Protein backbone atom coordinates (compact mmCIF):
# COMPACT_ATOMS: atom_id res chain seq x y z
CA MET A 1 -21.48 -28.68 -153.77
CA SER A 2 -18.17 -28.98 -152.00
CA GLU A 3 -15.99 -31.98 -152.71
CA THR A 4 -12.73 -33.36 -151.32
CA THR A 5 -10.16 -34.05 -154.02
CA ALA A 6 -8.48 -37.32 -154.83
CA ARG A 7 -4.82 -37.66 -153.98
CA GLN A 8 -2.43 -38.72 -156.68
CA GLY A 9 -1.67 -42.44 -156.83
CA ALA A 10 -4.98 -43.43 -155.28
CA ALA A 11 -5.75 -47.15 -155.04
CA VAL A 12 -7.55 -49.04 -157.76
CA ARG A 13 -11.35 -48.92 -157.84
CA ALA A 14 -11.73 -52.11 -155.81
CA ARG A 15 -9.81 -55.21 -154.84
CA ALA A 16 -10.30 -58.53 -153.13
CA GLU A 17 -7.13 -59.28 -151.21
CA ILE A 18 -6.54 -63.00 -150.78
CA ASP A 19 -4.19 -63.94 -147.94
CA LEU A 20 -2.70 -67.29 -148.88
CA ASP A 21 -0.85 -67.52 -145.57
CA ALA A 22 -4.22 -67.49 -143.86
CA LEU A 23 -5.44 -70.24 -146.17
CA ARG A 24 -2.39 -72.40 -145.46
CA SER A 25 -2.89 -71.83 -141.72
CA ASN A 26 -6.53 -72.89 -142.03
CA VAL A 27 -5.51 -76.11 -143.78
CA ARG A 28 -3.03 -76.91 -141.01
CA THR A 29 -5.66 -76.16 -138.36
CA LEU A 30 -8.18 -78.46 -140.02
CA ARG A 31 -5.65 -81.24 -140.53
CA ALA A 32 -4.84 -81.12 -136.83
CA LEU A 33 -8.41 -82.25 -136.12
CA LEU A 34 -7.98 -85.47 -138.07
CA ALA A 35 -6.85 -88.88 -136.96
CA PRO A 36 -3.67 -90.25 -138.50
CA GLY A 37 -4.44 -91.67 -141.91
CA THR A 38 -7.39 -89.37 -142.60
CA ALA A 39 -6.73 -87.14 -145.59
CA LEU A 40 -8.02 -83.66 -146.34
CA MET A 41 -9.69 -82.52 -149.56
CA ALA A 42 -9.58 -78.81 -150.29
CA VAL A 43 -12.75 -77.92 -152.16
CA VAL A 44 -12.01 -75.22 -154.75
CA LYS A 45 -15.24 -75.27 -156.74
CA ALA A 46 -16.81 -72.01 -157.96
CA ASP A 47 -13.34 -70.54 -158.53
CA GLY A 48 -12.32 -71.37 -155.00
CA TYR A 49 -15.50 -69.89 -153.47
CA GLY A 50 -14.61 -66.66 -155.25
CA HIS A 51 -11.01 -66.60 -154.00
CA GLY A 52 -9.35 -68.05 -157.12
CA ALA A 53 -9.15 -71.80 -157.63
CA VAL A 54 -5.58 -72.15 -158.86
CA PRO A 55 -3.73 -70.04 -156.24
CA CYS A 56 -5.86 -71.51 -153.45
CA ALA A 57 -5.34 -75.06 -154.68
CA ARG A 58 -1.59 -74.57 -154.74
CA ALA A 59 -1.56 -73.05 -151.26
CA ALA A 60 -3.75 -75.85 -149.86
CA VAL A 61 -1.46 -78.52 -151.30
CA GLN A 62 1.57 -76.72 -149.84
CA ALA A 63 -0.11 -76.99 -146.42
CA GLY A 64 -0.84 -80.70 -146.73
CA ALA A 65 -4.07 -81.19 -148.67
CA THR A 66 -3.71 -84.32 -150.80
CA TRP A 67 -7.08 -84.09 -152.56
CA LEU A 68 -8.81 -81.25 -154.38
CA GLY A 69 -12.53 -81.12 -155.12
CA THR A 70 -14.63 -79.31 -157.69
CA ALA A 71 -18.28 -79.45 -158.66
CA THR A 72 -18.04 -79.56 -162.44
CA PRO A 73 -15.66 -81.61 -164.59
CA HIS A 74 -14.66 -78.46 -166.49
CA GLU A 75 -13.43 -76.92 -163.23
CA ALA A 76 -11.43 -80.05 -162.49
CA LEU A 77 -9.93 -80.29 -165.97
CA ALA A 78 -8.84 -76.64 -165.85
CA LEU A 79 -7.25 -77.22 -162.46
CA ARG A 80 -5.30 -80.22 -163.70
CA ALA A 81 -4.15 -78.30 -166.78
CA ASP A 82 -3.30 -74.94 -165.22
CA ALA A 83 -2.27 -75.37 -161.59
CA GLY A 84 1.02 -77.21 -162.05
CA LEU A 85 0.18 -79.62 -159.25
CA PRO A 86 2.17 -82.72 -158.33
CA ASP A 87 0.93 -85.82 -160.13
CA ASP A 88 -0.02 -87.52 -156.86
CA VAL A 89 -2.54 -84.83 -155.92
CA ARG A 90 -5.98 -86.30 -156.57
CA ILE A 91 -8.76 -84.19 -158.07
CA MET A 92 -12.39 -85.20 -157.76
CA CYS A 93 -15.46 -83.72 -159.47
CA TRP A 94 -19.06 -84.69 -158.82
CA LEU A 95 -21.65 -82.70 -160.77
CA TRP A 96 -22.19 -84.41 -164.12
CA THR A 97 -24.85 -84.26 -166.81
CA PRO A 98 -25.32 -86.62 -169.76
CA GLY A 99 -22.76 -86.17 -172.51
CA GLY A 100 -20.14 -84.71 -170.17
CA PRO A 101 -16.39 -84.87 -170.82
CA TRP A 102 -15.93 -88.33 -169.32
CA GLN A 103 -13.10 -89.35 -171.64
CA GLU A 104 -11.13 -86.18 -170.97
CA ALA A 105 -11.61 -86.70 -167.23
CA ILE A 106 -10.36 -90.29 -167.45
CA GLU A 107 -7.33 -89.25 -169.48
CA ALA A 108 -6.56 -86.50 -166.94
CA GLY A 109 -6.67 -89.01 -164.08
CA LEU A 110 -9.61 -87.38 -162.33
CA ASP A 111 -11.82 -89.16 -159.84
CA VAL A 112 -15.39 -88.92 -161.13
CA SER A 113 -18.57 -89.35 -159.14
CA VAL A 114 -21.34 -91.68 -160.27
CA SER A 115 -24.84 -91.54 -158.77
CA GLY A 116 -26.85 -93.63 -161.21
CA MET A 117 -26.81 -96.16 -163.99
CA TRP A 118 -26.86 -93.61 -166.84
CA ALA A 119 -23.60 -92.14 -165.57
CA LEU A 120 -22.00 -95.54 -165.08
CA ARG A 121 -22.80 -96.51 -168.69
CA GLU A 122 -21.28 -93.27 -169.99
CA VAL A 123 -18.15 -93.85 -167.91
CA GLU A 124 -17.81 -97.37 -169.29
CA ASP A 125 -18.09 -96.14 -172.88
CA ALA A 126 -15.56 -93.38 -172.23
CA ALA A 127 -13.12 -95.80 -170.62
CA ARG A 128 -13.26 -98.01 -173.71
CA ARG A 129 -12.46 -95.01 -175.90
CA ALA A 130 -9.68 -93.83 -173.59
CA GLY A 131 -8.15 -97.29 -173.36
CA ARG A 132 -7.67 -96.98 -169.61
CA PRO A 133 -9.84 -97.53 -166.52
CA ALA A 134 -11.78 -94.68 -164.95
CA ARG A 135 -11.45 -93.73 -161.32
CA VAL A 136 -15.03 -93.84 -160.05
CA GLN A 137 -16.52 -92.87 -156.72
CA LEU A 138 -20.04 -94.08 -156.04
CA LYS A 139 -22.21 -91.49 -154.32
CA ALA A 140 -24.91 -92.56 -151.89
CA ASP A 141 -27.91 -90.39 -151.08
CA THR A 142 -28.10 -90.89 -147.34
CA GLY A 143 -30.77 -88.23 -146.82
CA LEU A 144 -29.79 -84.95 -148.48
CA GLY A 145 -32.15 -85.61 -151.40
CA ARG A 146 -29.95 -84.16 -154.12
CA ASN A 147 -27.37 -86.12 -156.08
CA GLY A 148 -26.52 -89.66 -155.08
CA CYS A 149 -28.03 -93.09 -155.45
CA GLN A 150 -30.98 -94.09 -153.27
CA PRO A 151 -30.49 -96.90 -150.75
CA GLY A 152 -32.08 -100.25 -151.48
CA PRO A 153 -32.55 -101.75 -154.95
CA ASP A 154 -31.06 -98.76 -156.80
CA TRP A 155 -27.86 -98.94 -154.74
CA HIS A 156 -27.69 -102.69 -155.12
CA GLU A 157 -27.96 -102.40 -158.90
CA LEU A 158 -25.35 -99.64 -159.11
CA VAL A 159 -22.84 -101.44 -156.89
CA GLY A 160 -23.27 -104.70 -158.80
CA ALA A 161 -22.86 -103.04 -162.19
CA ALA A 162 -19.83 -101.07 -161.01
CA LEU A 163 -18.19 -104.27 -159.76
CA ASP A 164 -18.88 -105.92 -163.11
CA ALA A 165 -17.23 -102.98 -164.88
CA GLU A 166 -14.28 -103.12 -162.50
CA ARG A 167 -13.78 -106.82 -163.22
CA ALA A 168 -13.89 -105.98 -166.95
CA GLY A 169 -11.05 -103.51 -166.46
CA LEU A 170 -13.15 -100.46 -167.30
CA LEU A 171 -12.96 -98.73 -163.96
CA GLN A 172 -11.61 -98.77 -160.44
CA ILE A 173 -14.01 -98.02 -157.60
CA THR A 174 -11.87 -95.57 -155.66
CA GLY A 175 -14.42 -94.24 -153.22
CA LEU A 176 -17.81 -94.40 -151.54
CA TRP A 177 -19.22 -91.10 -150.40
CA SER A 178 -22.17 -88.97 -149.38
CA HIS A 179 -23.02 -85.48 -148.15
CA PHE A 180 -24.72 -84.14 -145.02
CA ALA A 181 -27.87 -82.05 -145.09
CA CYS A 182 -27.70 -80.40 -141.65
CA ALA A 183 -24.21 -80.83 -140.22
CA ASP A 184 -24.15 -77.08 -139.58
CA GLU A 185 -27.04 -77.48 -137.12
CA PRO A 186 -25.58 -79.19 -134.04
CA GLY A 187 -27.75 -81.99 -132.75
CA HIS A 188 -30.05 -82.13 -135.78
CA PRO A 189 -31.56 -85.64 -135.90
CA SER A 190 -30.72 -86.04 -139.59
CA ILE A 191 -27.00 -86.17 -138.77
CA ALA A 192 -27.17 -89.46 -136.86
CA ALA A 193 -29.70 -90.82 -139.34
CA GLN A 194 -27.43 -90.10 -142.30
CA LEU A 195 -24.42 -91.64 -140.58
CA THR A 196 -26.43 -94.80 -139.99
CA VAL A 197 -27.51 -95.01 -143.63
CA PHE A 198 -23.95 -94.31 -144.79
CA ARG A 199 -22.61 -97.15 -142.66
CA GLU A 200 -25.26 -99.48 -144.06
CA MET A 201 -24.67 -98.53 -147.69
CA THR A 202 -20.87 -98.72 -147.47
CA ALA A 203 -21.13 -102.04 -145.61
CA TYR A 204 -23.32 -103.45 -148.38
CA ALA A 205 -20.83 -102.37 -151.05
CA GLU A 206 -17.86 -103.76 -149.16
CA GLU A 207 -19.62 -107.05 -148.49
CA ARG A 208 -20.11 -107.39 -152.26
CA GLY A 209 -16.41 -106.84 -152.88
CA VAL A 210 -15.88 -103.08 -153.22
CA ARG A 211 -12.49 -102.07 -151.82
CA PRO A 212 -12.55 -98.25 -151.80
CA GLU A 213 -9.46 -96.20 -151.20
CA VAL A 214 -11.58 -93.63 -149.37
CA ARG A 215 -14.97 -93.36 -147.71
CA HIS A 216 -16.12 -89.82 -146.98
CA ILE A 217 -19.15 -87.88 -145.84
CA ALA A 218 -17.73 -85.01 -143.75
CA ASN A 219 -18.00 -81.45 -145.04
CA SER A 220 -16.64 -78.39 -143.20
CA PRO A 221 -19.09 -78.42 -140.27
CA ALA A 222 -18.69 -82.17 -139.82
CA THR A 223 -14.91 -81.79 -139.96
CA LEU A 224 -15.11 -79.23 -137.15
CA THR A 225 -17.64 -80.99 -134.91
CA LEU A 226 -18.13 -84.68 -135.81
CA PRO A 227 -14.95 -86.73 -135.55
CA GLU A 228 -17.01 -89.91 -135.95
CA ALA A 229 -17.80 -88.76 -139.49
CA HIS A 230 -14.21 -88.23 -140.64
CA TYR A 231 -13.64 -91.73 -142.05
CA ASP A 232 -10.74 -91.77 -144.57
CA LEU A 233 -11.17 -88.28 -146.03
CA VAL A 234 -12.84 -84.98 -145.16
CA ARG A 235 -13.98 -82.39 -147.70
CA THR A 236 -13.36 -78.88 -146.42
CA GLY A 237 -14.85 -75.99 -148.34
CA ILE A 238 -15.93 -72.86 -146.50
CA ALA A 239 -13.66 -73.54 -143.52
CA LEU A 240 -10.68 -73.58 -145.88
CA TYR A 241 -11.40 -69.91 -146.60
CA GLY A 242 -11.66 -69.06 -142.92
CA LEU A 243 -15.41 -68.69 -142.56
CA SER A 244 -17.56 -70.51 -140.04
CA PRO A 245 -20.16 -72.77 -141.69
CA SER A 246 -22.88 -71.18 -139.55
CA PRO A 247 -23.19 -68.80 -136.59
CA GLU A 248 -24.49 -71.74 -134.53
CA LEU A 249 -21.04 -73.31 -134.77
CA GLY A 250 -19.28 -70.20 -133.52
CA THR A 251 -16.98 -67.67 -135.13
CA PRO A 252 -13.95 -68.50 -137.26
CA ALA A 253 -11.70 -67.59 -134.32
CA ASP A 254 -13.50 -70.14 -132.14
CA HIS A 255 -12.12 -72.80 -134.48
CA GLY A 256 -8.69 -71.25 -135.02
CA LEU A 257 -9.59 -70.12 -138.55
CA ARG A 258 -8.83 -66.82 -140.25
CA PRO A 259 -10.87 -65.33 -143.11
CA VAL A 260 -8.83 -65.26 -146.31
CA MET A 261 -10.59 -62.50 -148.32
CA THR A 262 -10.68 -58.78 -147.62
CA LEU A 263 -12.92 -56.77 -149.97
CA SER A 264 -12.27 -53.04 -150.26
CA ALA A 265 -12.76 -50.11 -152.62
CA SER A 266 -11.58 -46.54 -153.02
CA LEU A 267 -14.19 -43.86 -152.46
CA ALA A 268 -15.10 -42.38 -155.82
CA LEU A 269 -16.55 -39.19 -154.38
CA VAL A 270 -17.13 -37.44 -151.06
CA LYS A 271 -19.55 -34.48 -151.01
CA ARG A 272 -21.64 -32.37 -148.68
CA VAL A 273 -25.43 -32.48 -148.99
CA PRO A 274 -28.25 -30.79 -147.08
CA GLY A 275 -30.78 -32.45 -144.86
CA GLY A 276 -33.74 -34.03 -146.62
CA HIS A 277 -31.63 -35.11 -149.60
CA GLY A 278 -32.74 -38.37 -151.20
CA VAL A 279 -30.07 -40.99 -151.84
CA SER A 280 -30.03 -43.58 -154.63
CA TYR A 281 -32.91 -45.18 -156.50
CA GLY A 282 -36.33 -44.85 -154.97
CA HIS A 283 -35.08 -42.43 -152.29
CA ARG A 284 -35.38 -45.18 -149.69
CA TYR A 285 -32.91 -43.14 -147.64
CA THR A 286 -33.18 -39.42 -146.96
CA THR A 287 -30.44 -37.56 -145.08
CA PRO A 288 -31.65 -36.57 -141.60
CA GLY A 289 -29.62 -33.35 -141.67
CA ASP A 290 -26.62 -31.69 -143.27
CA THR A 291 -24.08 -34.43 -143.84
CA THR A 292 -21.49 -35.91 -146.16
CA LEU A 293 -21.97 -38.81 -148.52
CA GLY A 294 -19.27 -41.19 -149.72
CA LEU A 295 -19.65 -43.07 -152.98
CA VAL A 296 -18.39 -46.68 -152.96
CA PRO A 297 -17.77 -47.91 -156.54
CA LEU A 298 -19.10 -51.43 -156.04
CA GLY A 299 -22.57 -52.75 -156.77
CA TYR A 300 -24.58 -55.83 -157.46
CA ALA A 301 -22.71 -56.34 -160.75
CA ASP A 302 -19.67 -56.92 -158.52
CA GLY A 303 -21.58 -59.29 -156.26
CA ILE A 304 -22.62 -56.85 -153.55
CA PRO A 305 -26.07 -58.13 -152.52
CA ARG A 306 -28.89 -55.69 -153.25
CA HIS A 307 -30.76 -57.24 -150.32
CA ALA A 308 -28.26 -55.48 -148.05
CA SER A 309 -29.50 -52.05 -149.18
CA SER A 310 -29.78 -49.62 -146.22
CA ASN A 311 -28.20 -52.30 -144.04
CA GLY A 312 -24.74 -53.41 -145.21
CA PRO A 313 -21.79 -52.26 -143.07
CA VAL A 314 -18.63 -50.57 -144.37
CA LEU A 315 -15.53 -49.33 -142.53
CA VAL A 316 -14.53 -45.84 -143.73
CA ASP A 317 -12.06 -43.55 -141.98
CA GLY A 318 -11.98 -45.73 -138.87
CA LYS A 319 -15.76 -45.86 -138.37
CA TRP A 320 -18.50 -48.30 -139.30
CA ARG A 321 -20.90 -46.77 -141.81
CA THR A 322 -24.09 -48.22 -143.25
CA VAL A 323 -25.21 -48.40 -146.86
CA ALA A 324 -27.46 -45.39 -147.44
CA GLY A 325 -30.38 -46.38 -149.65
CA ARG A 326 -30.32 -48.89 -152.44
CA ILE A 327 -27.28 -50.70 -153.73
CA ALA A 328 -27.17 -50.10 -157.48
CA MET A 329 -25.47 -52.09 -160.23
CA ASP A 330 -22.10 -50.36 -159.91
CA GLN A 331 -22.16 -48.25 -156.76
CA PHE A 332 -23.74 -47.36 -153.45
CA ALA A 333 -23.52 -44.50 -150.98
CA VAL A 334 -22.72 -44.33 -147.30
CA ASP A 335 -23.64 -41.49 -144.95
CA LEU A 336 -20.39 -40.23 -143.46
CA GLY A 337 -22.13 -38.09 -140.85
CA GLY A 338 -20.21 -34.96 -141.72
CA ASP A 339 -16.79 -36.57 -141.86
CA GLU A 340 -14.77 -35.70 -144.96
CA PRO A 341 -12.24 -38.38 -145.85
CA PRO A 342 -10.68 -37.70 -149.25
CA ALA A 343 -11.86 -39.31 -152.44
CA GLY A 344 -9.67 -42.37 -152.83
CA ALA A 345 -9.91 -43.19 -149.12
CA GLU A 346 -10.33 -46.89 -148.42
CA ALA A 347 -13.75 -48.37 -147.77
CA VAL A 348 -13.52 -51.91 -146.38
CA LEU A 349 -16.65 -53.98 -146.85
CA PHE A 350 -15.39 -57.08 -145.09
CA GLY A 351 -12.28 -58.86 -143.93
CA PRO A 352 -11.03 -60.87 -140.95
CA GLY A 353 -12.46 -58.30 -138.54
CA ASP A 354 -9.39 -57.78 -136.41
CA GLY A 355 -8.82 -54.30 -137.90
CA GLY A 356 -12.29 -53.19 -136.90
CA GLU A 357 -13.79 -53.93 -140.31
CA PRO A 358 -17.01 -55.88 -140.84
CA THR A 359 -16.83 -59.58 -141.70
CA ALA A 360 -18.47 -61.62 -144.42
CA GLU A 361 -20.84 -62.92 -141.74
CA ASP A 362 -21.89 -59.32 -140.96
CA TRP A 363 -22.81 -58.90 -144.63
CA ALA A 364 -24.59 -62.24 -144.62
CA GLN A 365 -26.71 -61.09 -141.69
CA ALA A 366 -27.40 -57.77 -143.43
CA ALA A 367 -28.52 -59.52 -146.61
CA GLY A 368 -30.37 -62.41 -144.99
CA THR A 369 -28.06 -65.03 -146.49
CA ILE A 370 -24.95 -67.04 -145.62
CA GLY A 371 -21.26 -66.20 -145.64
CA TYR A 372 -20.66 -68.71 -148.44
CA GLU A 373 -22.71 -66.57 -150.81
CA ILE A 374 -21.07 -63.29 -149.82
CA VAL A 375 -17.55 -64.37 -150.80
CA THR A 376 -18.49 -66.60 -153.73
CA ARG A 377 -20.54 -63.95 -155.51
CA VAL A 378 -17.73 -61.35 -155.66
CA GLY A 379 -17.54 -60.79 -159.39
CA ALA A 380 -14.84 -60.84 -162.03
CA ARG A 381 -14.69 -57.03 -162.23
CA VAL A 382 -13.03 -57.06 -158.82
CA PRO A 383 -9.36 -58.03 -159.22
CA ARG A 384 -7.98 -60.63 -156.83
CA VAL A 385 -4.71 -59.52 -155.26
CA TYR A 386 -2.75 -62.40 -153.75
CA VAL A 387 -0.52 -61.77 -150.75
CA ASN A 388 1.86 -64.16 -149.01
CA GLU A 389 2.07 -66.40 -152.07
């Protein structure tokens, strides 16, 4: 075996570089799409889609986001405690289960989502214990079929009970909201249908006396393509991080967005092998002739999708390479075709693409998934390195 040697001072095993200037630029680009008076929520759930919730929240607020959104209350509470945000920045969380930290959320001034009577009763009890009213947003299921209250009698009961609780001083109804099912599929009939149901359900609530601060249904694709859905607030998630919600909506550049994360690693080994040499588990790849292999020290434990085995693209030494064989827990190989970059040379899995590297969408196509999953699944073993803070 012949092997190139590592140079002194080689880079760390792997890193996810997070460009906060790009994130701030994306926020400004998205805000420019909105009518005056429409606010922007930066969604930083799932640790900011894998980018880091606290640094991304701070950068988004610097660029003009006035709301932050998380899925779980624990995410929201950590954000309020750790991010050092201005008091007037609102934080909303929406995925609750019985026995959740309602009182802590009320005391932290969070906006909490309520989709049914069980949640409303728990909020009321928590507000009594906290000695202050809760900020409650009522969620309507307009057709997604997940969380949210069904139209008709269920919605009527929830709105009436929430108004009773508001009159009793236990809560303030701060918002009415919903979520699209297919906004990333232009022209899908469910989009117009959901907007119609949302108008009807918000109209019913307002006719009964609800005076929400915000009404909102627009996610990233609706923010980019459906101005009629912007209402008082838009919730931008994947677009905040510079990814297009779907290939059907175009590339990030088509919308003036720039991907925020670049994932790279240092080659752990470069070696010559003969033709007919099996590579990785199962020998699903065999070298077609004498060649060189590069070992990339990232695997599915770091979030690299095993489904991209023999398919995922990597930029090494100025050329696109392809994963050779199976992606293992901690590593995978690429066939370098006889090239011999040194151990420690950079392997870029994805980034903005303007340096010739693959993008998260390229990996999504290779793995048969979506760009959201590619960035969000990057694991904790990969350090985040923040630039342009």
